[in-house]
């Protein structure tokens, strides 16, 4: 199961000076709820979401995936 590592996302957001998930969601063109679902451990993100977030943050999709 693919799970996005929230802590890695927060680390990358800090490097890009993105203060919070609301701002990140807006920059990605999605709602805060959508982003929250994508980053939730209960939600299985679709590959395109993982790729899009990774691309936006300038990393490989594999860098933001948590090993389960």
C-alpha atoms as a PDB file:
ATOM      1  CA  UNK A   1       0.000   0.000   0.000  1.00  0.00           C
ATOM      2  CA  UNK A   2       1.258   3.454  -0.914  1.00  0.00           C
ATOM      3  CA  UNK A   3       1.241   6.023   1.879  1.00  0.00           C
ATOM      4  CA  UNK A   4       2.666   9.502   1.562  1.00  0.00           C
ATOM      5  CA  UNK A   5       5.078  10.502   4.325  1.00  0.00           C
ATOM      6  CA  UNK A   6       3.536  13.637   5.886  1.00  0.00           C
ATOM      7  CA  UNK A   7       6.764  14.481   7.718  1.00  0.00           C
ATOM      8  CA  UNK A   8       8.763  14.374   4.493  1.00  0.00           C
ATOM      9  CA  UNK A   9       6.157  16.647   2.872  1.00  0.00           C
ATOM     10  CA  UNK A  10       6.431  19.090   5.793  1.00  0.00           C
ATOM     11  CA  UNK A  11      10.229  19.019   5.533  1.00  0.00           C
ATOM     12  CA  UNK A  12      10.074  19.816   1.811  1.00  0.00           C
ATOM     13  CA  UNK A  13       7.447  22.516   2.414  1.00  0.00           C
ATOM     14  CA  UNK A  14       9.753  24.190   4.955  1.00  0.00           C
ATOM     15  CA  UNK A  15      12.591  24.246   2.399  1.00  0.00           C
ATOM     16  CA  UNK A  16      10.269  25.968  -0.079  1.00  0.00           C
ATOM     17  CA  UNK A  17       8.956  28.308   2.637  1.00  0.00           C
ATOM     18  CA  UNK A  18       5.391  27.002   2.338  1.00  0.00           C
ATOM     19  CA  UNK A  19       3.874  27.687   5.754  1.00  0.00           C
ATOM     20  CA  UNK A  20       0.978  25.256   5.873  1.00  0.00           C
ATOM     21  CA  UNK A  21      -1.054  22.608   4.072  1.00  0.00           C
ATOM     22  CA  UNK A  22      -3.721  25.148   3.085  1.00  0.00           C
ATOM     23  CA  UNK A  23      -1.114  27.108   1.153  1.00  0.00           C
ATOM     24  CA  UNK A  24       0.291  23.940  -0.438  1.00  0.00           C
ATOM     25  CA  UNK A  25      -3.207  22.832  -1.485  1.00  0.00           C
ATOM     26  CA  UNK A  26      -3.858  26.226  -3.067  1.00  0.00           C
ATOM     27  CA  UNK A  27      -0.518  26.075  -4.934  1.00  0.00           C
ATOM     28  CA  UNK A  28      -1.391  22.579  -6.195  1.00  0.00           C
ATOM     29  CA  UNK A  29      -4.832  23.773  -7.299  1.00  0.00           C
ATOM     30  CA  UNK A  30      -6.740  21.422  -5.012  1.00  0.00           C
ATOM     31  CA  UNK A  31      -8.827  21.918  -1.866  1.00  0.00           C
ATOM     32  CA  UNK A  32      -7.363  21.570   1.610  1.00  0.00           C
ATOM     33  CA  UNK A  33      -9.719  18.599   2.149  1.00  0.00           C
ATOM     34  CA  UNK A  34      -8.375  16.850  -0.946  1.00  0.00           C
ATOM     35  CA  UNK A  35      -4.801  17.360   0.223  1.00  0.00           C
ATOM     36  CA  UNK A  36      -5.710  16.182   3.710  1.00  0.00           C
ATOM     37  CA  UNK A  37      -7.200  12.999   2.221  1.00  0.00           C
ATOM     38  CA  UNK A  38      -4.147  12.416   0.036  1.00  0.00           C
ATOM     39  CA  UNK A  39      -1.843  12.748   3.063  1.00  0.00           C
ATOM     40  CA  UNK A  40      -4.057  10.650   5.338  1.00  0.00           C
ATOM     41  CA  UNK A  41      -2.879   7.152   6.296  1.00  0.00           C
ATOM     42  CA  UNK A  42      -6.410   5.888   5.594  1.00  0.00           C
ATOM     43  CA  UNK A  43      -6.411   7.071   1.994  1.00  0.00           C
ATOM     44  CA  UNK A  44      -4.621   5.355  -0.869  1.00  0.00           C
ATOM     45  CA  UNK A  45      -3.443   8.165  -3.132  1.00  0.00           C
ATOM     46  CA  UNK A  46      -3.601   7.646  -6.867  1.00  0.00           C
ATOM     47  CA  UNK A  47      -0.244   7.590  -8.581  1.00  0.00           C
ATOM     48  CA  UNK A  48      -0.893  10.881 -10.387  1.00  0.00           C
ATOM     49  CA  UNK A  49      -1.404  12.665  -7.035  1.00  0.00           C
ATOM     50  CA  UNK A  50       1.884  11.334  -5.692  1.00  0.00           C
ATOM     51  CA  UNK A  51       3.694  12.304  -8.895  1.00  0.00           C
ATOM     52  CA  UNK A  52       2.132  15.781  -8.971  1.00  0.00           C
ATOM     53  CA  UNK A  53       3.018  16.591  -5.355  1.00  0.00           C
ATOM     54  CA  UNK A  54       6.560  15.238  -5.752  1.00  0.00           C
ATOM     55  CA  UNK A  55       7.070  17.181  -8.979  1.00  0.00           C
ATOM     56  CA  UNK A  56       5.791  20.374  -7.368  1.00  0.00           C
ATOM     57  CA  UNK A  57       8.165  19.910  -4.413  1.00  0.00           C
ATOM     58  CA  UNK A  58      11.060  19.066  -6.745  1.00  0.00           C
ATOM     59  CA  UNK A  59      11.703  15.495  -5.627  1.00  0.00           C
ATOM     60  CA  UNK A  60      11.212  11.961  -6.894  1.00  0.00           C
ATOM     61  CA  UNK A  61       7.853  10.375  -6.009  1.00  0.00           C
ATOM     62  CA  UNK A  62       9.804   7.643  -4.209  1.00  0.00           C
ATOM     63  CA  UNK A  63      11.159  10.238  -1.763  1.00  0.00           C
ATOM     64  CA  UNK A  64       7.710  11.116  -0.419  1.00  0.00           C
ATOM     65  CA  UNK A  65       6.375   7.567  -0.093  1.00  0.00           C
ATOM     66  CA  UNK A  66       6.494   5.919   3.316  1.00  0.00           C
ATOM     67  CA  UNK A  67       7.604   2.313   3.371  1.00  0.00           C
ATOM     68  CA  UNK A  68       4.848   0.256   4.995  1.00  0.00           C
END
